[in-house]
Amino acid sequence: MTIPEEGRAVSIRLVTTVRQPGEKPFRNFIRAEGLLIEKAGKTYLSFEENADGQRVRTMVRMGHEEGLIMRNGEVSMRLPLVPGEQREGRYGSGGAGLPLTVKTGSVCYEPGSEGRFAAEYDLMSGSETVGTYDVEFTYSEGKA
């Protein structure tokens, strides 16, 4: 993540819905303060979250045709999101890494001072589906 830390302050809400084989779906909610960054024609959300006492830095590149979610810290992740395509991604925790295939169903980007980026994707390890994920990042300028 080499995007400079200059941008507009935003309040961010992330809702993740996870459906894993053989388990009940569950939702995770995160609220954070971060930055909305525009650089080289691309728009990014940058924020830190606390994952079980560990700081994890998240950067989301948002676009109408594709997106990218990157996390660094105790948990690391790189998920390229291109609708209708399968792309190689990566997930790591505690020093161990796992290559994943990201099969994206859809992305939706609504830019603005109050914007939204959403994606639906399957994560696959080999030929096995690990889970289906729906993520929705909403943001508004200024501190909450």
C-alpha atoms as a PDB file:
ATOM      1  CA  MET A   1       0.000   0.000   0.000  1.00  0.00           C
ATOM      2  CA  THR A   2       1.947   2.980  -1.231  1.00  0.00           C
ATOM      3  CA  ILE A   3      -0.853   5.509  -1.637  1.00  0.00           C
ATOM      4  CA  PRO A   4       0.087   8.736   0.194  1.00  0.00           C
ATOM      5  CA  GLU A   5      -1.912   9.669   3.262  1.00  0.00           C
ATOM      6  CA  GLU A   6      -3.515  12.809   1.930  1.00  0.00           C
ATOM      7  CA  GLY A   7      -7.198  12.999   1.412  1.00  0.00           C
ATOM      8  CA  ARG A   8     -10.503  14.046   2.901  1.00  0.00           C
ATOM      9  CA  ALA A   9     -11.583  12.775   6.312  1.00  0.00           C
ATOM     10  CA  VAL A  10     -14.511  10.355   6.107  1.00  0.00           C
ATOM     11  CA  SER A  11     -16.591   8.208   8.429  1.00  0.00           C
ATOM     12  CA  ILE A  12     -16.761   4.648   7.100  1.00  0.00           C
ATOM     13  CA  ARG A  13     -19.198   1.830   7.706  1.00  0.00           C
ATOM     14  CA  LEU A  14     -18.355  -1.660   6.449  1.00  0.00           C
ATOM     15  CA  VAL A  15     -20.952  -4.427   6.415  1.00  0.00           C
ATOM     16  CA  THR A  16     -19.745  -7.899   5.447  1.00  0.00           C
ATOM     17  CA  THR A  17     -22.134 -10.812   4.948  1.00  0.00           C
ATOM     18  CA  VAL A  18     -20.437 -14.213   4.896  1.00  0.00           C
ATOM     19  CA  ARG A  19     -21.949 -17.463   3.674  1.00  0.00           C
ATOM     20  CA  GLN A  20     -19.764 -20.533   4.166  1.00  0.00           C
ATOM     21  CA  PRO A  21     -20.677 -24.097   3.186  1.00  0.00           C
ATOM     22  CA  GLY A  22     -22.485 -25.928   5.998  1.00  0.00           C
ATOM     23  CA  GLU A  23     -22.779 -22.844   8.233  1.00  0.00           C
ATOM     24  CA  LYS A  24     -25.379 -20.175   8.915  1.00  0.00           C
ATOM     25  CA  PRO A  25     -24.720 -16.838   7.198  1.00  0.00           C
ATOM     26  CA  PHE A  26     -23.389 -14.117   9.472  1.00  0.00           C
ATOM     27  CA  ARG A  27     -22.809 -10.377   9.286  1.00  0.00           C
ATOM     28  CA  ASN A  28     -19.956  -8.290  10.562  1.00  0.00           C
ATOM     29  CA  PHE A  29     -20.177  -4.510  11.074  1.00  0.00           C
ATOM     30  CA  ILE A  30     -17.225  -2.127  11.351  1.00  0.00           C
ATOM     31  CA  ARG A  31     -17.234   1.630  11.837  1.00  0.00           C
ATOM     32  CA  ALA A  32     -14.025   3.565  11.337  1.00  0.00           C
ATOM     33  CA  GLU A  33     -12.622   7.003  10.600  1.00  0.00           C
ATOM     34  CA  GLY A  34     -10.453   7.170   7.530  1.00  0.00           C
ATOM     35  CA  LEU A  35      -9.516   9.022   4.373  1.00  0.00           C
ATOM     36  CA  LEU A  36     -11.029   9.330   0.910  1.00  0.00           C
ATOM     37  CA  ILE A  37      -8.057   9.649  -1.442  1.00  0.00           C
ATOM     38  CA  GLU A  38      -8.027  10.514  -5.137  1.00  0.00           C
ATOM     39  CA  LYS A  39      -4.793   9.797  -6.973  1.00  0.00           C
ATOM     40  CA  ALA A  40      -3.992   9.249 -10.650  1.00  0.00           C
ATOM     41  CA  GLY A  41      -7.670   9.016 -11.582  1.00  0.00           C
ATOM     42  CA  LYS A  42      -8.398   6.344  -8.940  1.00  0.00           C
ATOM     43  CA  THR A  43     -10.383   6.668  -5.701  1.00  0.00           C
ATOM     44  CA  TYR A  44      -9.386   4.929  -2.472  1.00  0.00           C
ATOM     45  CA  LEU A  45     -10.711   4.502   1.048  1.00  0.00           C
ATOM     46  CA  SER A  46      -8.021   4.108   3.703  1.00  0.00           C
ATOM     47  CA  PHE A  47      -8.666   3.230   7.349  1.00  0.00           C
ATOM     48  CA  GLU A  48      -7.443   1.203  10.306  1.00  0.00           C
ATOM     49  CA  GLU A  49      -9.475  -1.343  12.185  1.00  0.00           C
ATOM     50  CA  ASN A  50      -8.906  -3.294  15.351  1.00  0.00           C
ATOM     51  CA  ALA A  51      -9.076  -7.050  14.707  1.00  0.00           C
ATOM     52  CA  ASP A  52      -8.942  -8.959  18.001  1.00  0.00           C
ATOM     53  CA  GLY A  53      -6.591  -6.414  19.560  1.00  0.00           C
ATOM     54  CA  GLN A  54      -4.388  -6.123  16.460  1.00  0.00           C
ATOM     55  CA  ARG A  55      -4.310  -3.118  14.160  1.00  0.00           C
ATOM     56  CA  VAL A  56      -5.113  -3.877  10.539  1.00  0.00           C
ATOM     57  CA  ARG A  57      -4.718  -1.232   7.856  1.00  0.00           C
ATOM     58  CA  THR A  58      -7.242  -1.450   5.006  1.00  0.00           C
ATOM     59  CA  MET A  59      -7.102   0.216   1.592  1.00  0.00           C
ATOM     60  CA  VAL A  60      -9.959  -0.138  -0.908  1.00  0.00           C
ATOM     61  CA  ARG A  61      -9.614   0.969  -4.528  1.00  0.00           C
ATOM     62  CA  MET A  62     -13.110   1.747  -5.761  1.00  0.00           C
ATOM     63  CA  GLY A  63     -14.226   1.831  -9.375  1.00  0.00           C
ATOM     64  CA  HIS A  64     -17.273   1.316 -11.567  1.00  0.00           C
ATOM     65  CA  GLU A  65     -15.721  -1.639 -13.412  1.00  0.00           C
ATOM     66  CA  GLU A  66     -13.507  -3.182 -10.711  1.00  0.00           C
ATOM     67  CA  GLY A  67     -12.154  -2.843  -7.207  1.00  0.00           C
ATOM     68  CA  LEU A  68      -9.346  -4.029  -4.962  1.00  0.00           C
ATOM     69  CA  ILE A  69      -9.355  -4.680  -1.210  1.00  0.00           C
ATOM     70  CA  MET A  70      -5.944  -4.740   0.505  1.00  0.00           C
ATOM     71  CA  ARG A  71      -5.308  -5.308   4.199  1.00  0.00           C
ATOM     72  CA  ASN A  72      -1.982  -5.242   6.049  1.00  0.00           C
ATOM     73  CA  GLY A  73      -1.213  -6.061   9.663  1.00  0.00           C
ATOM     74  CA  GLU A  74      -1.878  -9.165  11.722  1.00  0.00           C
ATOM     75  CA  VAL A  75      -4.240 -10.122   8.909  1.00  0.00           C
ATOM     76  CA  SER A  76      -3.115  -9.469   5.338  1.00  0.00           C
ATOM     77  CA  MET A  77      -5.240  -9.806   2.252  1.00  0.00           C
ATOM     78  CA  ARG A  78      -5.263  -8.840  -1.399  1.00  0.00           C
ATOM     79  CA  LEU A  79      -8.559  -9.336  -3.217  1.00  0.00           C
ATOM     80  CA  PRO A  80      -8.849  -8.117  -6.826  1.00  0.00           C
ATOM     81  CA  LEU A  81     -12.516  -7.667  -7.758  1.00  0.00           C
ATOM     82  CA  VAL A  82     -13.333  -7.840 -11.479  1.00  0.00           C
ATOM     83  CA  PRO A  83     -16.952  -8.851 -12.277  1.00  0.00           C
ATOM     84  CA  GLY A  84     -17.281 -12.043 -14.290  1.00  0.00           C
ATOM     85  CA  GLU A  85     -13.621 -12.951 -13.827  1.00  0.00           C
ATOM     86  CA  GLN A  86     -11.485 -15.102 -11.569  1.00  0.00           C
ATOM     87  CA  ARG A  87      -8.328 -13.447 -10.244  1.00  0.00           C
ATOM     88  CA  GLU A  88      -5.583 -14.642  -7.956  1.00  0.00           C
ATOM     89  CA  GLY A  89      -5.769 -13.208  -4.444  1.00  0.00           C
ATOM     90  CA  ARG A  90      -4.010 -13.839  -1.162  1.00  0.00           C
ATOM     91  CA  TYR A  91      -4.942 -14.165   2.514  1.00  0.00           C
ATOM     92  CA  GLY A  92      -2.496 -14.355   5.396  1.00  0.00           C
ATOM     93  CA  SER A  93      -2.635 -14.454   9.178  1.00  0.00           C
ATOM     94  CA  GLY A  94       0.127 -14.827  11.735  1.00  0.00           C
ATOM     95  CA  GLY A  95       2.822 -15.187   9.067  1.00  0.00           C
ATOM     96  CA  ALA A  96       1.077 -18.005   7.153  1.00  0.00           C
ATOM     97  CA  GLY A  97      -0.242 -17.239   3.678  1.00  0.00           C
ATOM     98  CA  LEU A  98      -2.871 -18.903   1.535  1.00  0.00           C
ATOM     99  CA  PRO A  99      -3.338 -18.271  -2.189  1.00  0.00           C
ATOM    100  CA  LEU A 100      -6.986 -17.825  -3.114  1.00  0.00           C
ATOM    101  CA  THR A 101      -9.005 -17.392  -6.266  1.00  0.00           C
ATOM    102  CA  VAL A 102     -11.449 -14.495  -6.192  1.00  0.00           C
ATOM    103  CA  LYS A 103     -14.502 -15.052  -8.409  1.00  0.00           C
ATOM    104  CA  THR A 104     -16.367 -11.735  -8.539  1.00  0.00           C
ATOM    105  CA  GLY A 105     -20.062 -11.601  -9.288  1.00  0.00           C
ATOM    106  CA  SER A 106     -20.573  -7.836  -9.136  1.00  0.00           C
ATOM    107  CA  VAL A 107     -19.213  -4.477  -8.045  1.00  0.00           C
ATOM    108  CA  CYS A 108     -21.163  -1.247  -7.582  1.00  0.00           C
ATOM    109  CA  TYR A 109     -19.595   2.161  -7.022  1.00  0.00           C
ATOM    110  CA  GLU A 110     -21.560   5.303  -6.185  1.00  0.00           C
ATOM    111  CA  PRO A 111     -19.051   8.147  -5.784  1.00  0.00           C
ATOM    112  CA  GLY A 112     -19.669  11.394  -3.927  1.00  0.00           C
ATOM    113  CA  SER A 113     -19.218  13.066  -0.563  1.00  0.00           C
ATOM    114  CA  GLU A 114     -21.562  10.339   0.697  1.00  0.00           C
ATOM    115  CA  GLY A 115     -20.574   7.336  -1.372  1.00  0.00           C
ATOM    116  CA  ARG A 116     -20.833   3.583  -1.528  1.00  0.00           C
ATOM    117  CA  PHE A 117     -18.770   0.706  -2.870  1.00  0.00           C
ATOM    118  CA  ALA A 118     -20.185  -2.834  -2.786  1.00  0.00           C
ATOM    119  CA  ALA A 119     -19.015  -6.171  -4.145  1.00  0.00           C
ATOM    120  CA  GLU A 120     -20.175  -9.784  -4.173  1.00  0.00           C
ATOM    121  CA  TYR A 121     -17.556 -12.485  -4.606  1.00  0.00           C
ATOM    122  CA  ASP A 122     -16.654 -16.112  -3.936  1.00  0.00           C
ATOM    123  CA  LEU A 123     -13.338 -17.067  -2.388  1.00  0.00           C
ATOM    124  CA  MET A 124     -11.940 -20.365  -3.615  1.00  0.00           C
ATOM    125  CA  SER A 125      -9.007 -22.448  -2.419  1.00  0.00           C
ATOM    126  CA  GLY A 126      -8.136 -24.802  -5.237  1.00  0.00           C
ATOM    127  CA  SER A 127     -11.509 -25.930  -6.604  1.00  0.00           C
ATOM    128  CA  GLU A 128     -13.300 -25.602  -3.235  1.00  0.00           C
ATOM    129  CA  THR A 129     -15.470 -22.583  -2.424  1.00  0.00           C
ATOM    130  CA  VAL A 130     -14.402 -21.233   0.971  1.00  0.00           C
ATOM    131  CA  GLY A 131     -17.320 -18.807   1.122  1.00  0.00           C
ATOM    132  CA  THR A 132     -19.447 -16.210  -0.601  1.00  0.00           C
ATOM    133  CA  TYR A 133     -18.991 -12.639   0.588  1.00  0.00           C
ATOM    134  CA  ASP A 134     -21.003  -9.461   0.187  1.00  0.00           C
ATOM    135  CA  VAL A 135     -19.148  -6.333   1.278  1.00  0.00           C
ATOM    136  CA  GLU A 136     -20.551  -2.824   1.416  1.00  0.00           C
ATOM    137  CA  PHE A 137     -18.435   0.201   2.256  1.00  0.00           C
ATOM    138  CA  THR A 138     -20.400   3.411   2.800  1.00  0.00           C
ATOM    139  CA  TYR A 139     -18.675   6.653   3.640  1.00  0.00           C
ATOM    140  CA  SER A 140     -19.499  10.280   4.365  1.00  0.00           C
ATOM    141  CA  GLU A 141     -17.159  13.226   4.566  1.00  0.00           C
ATOM    142  CA  GLY A 142     -16.271  14.629   7.959  1.00  0.00           C
ATOM    143  CA  LYS A 143     -16.045  13.014  11.356  1.00  0.00           C
ATOM    144  CA  ALA A 144     -19.113  11.288  12.807  1.00  0.00           C
END
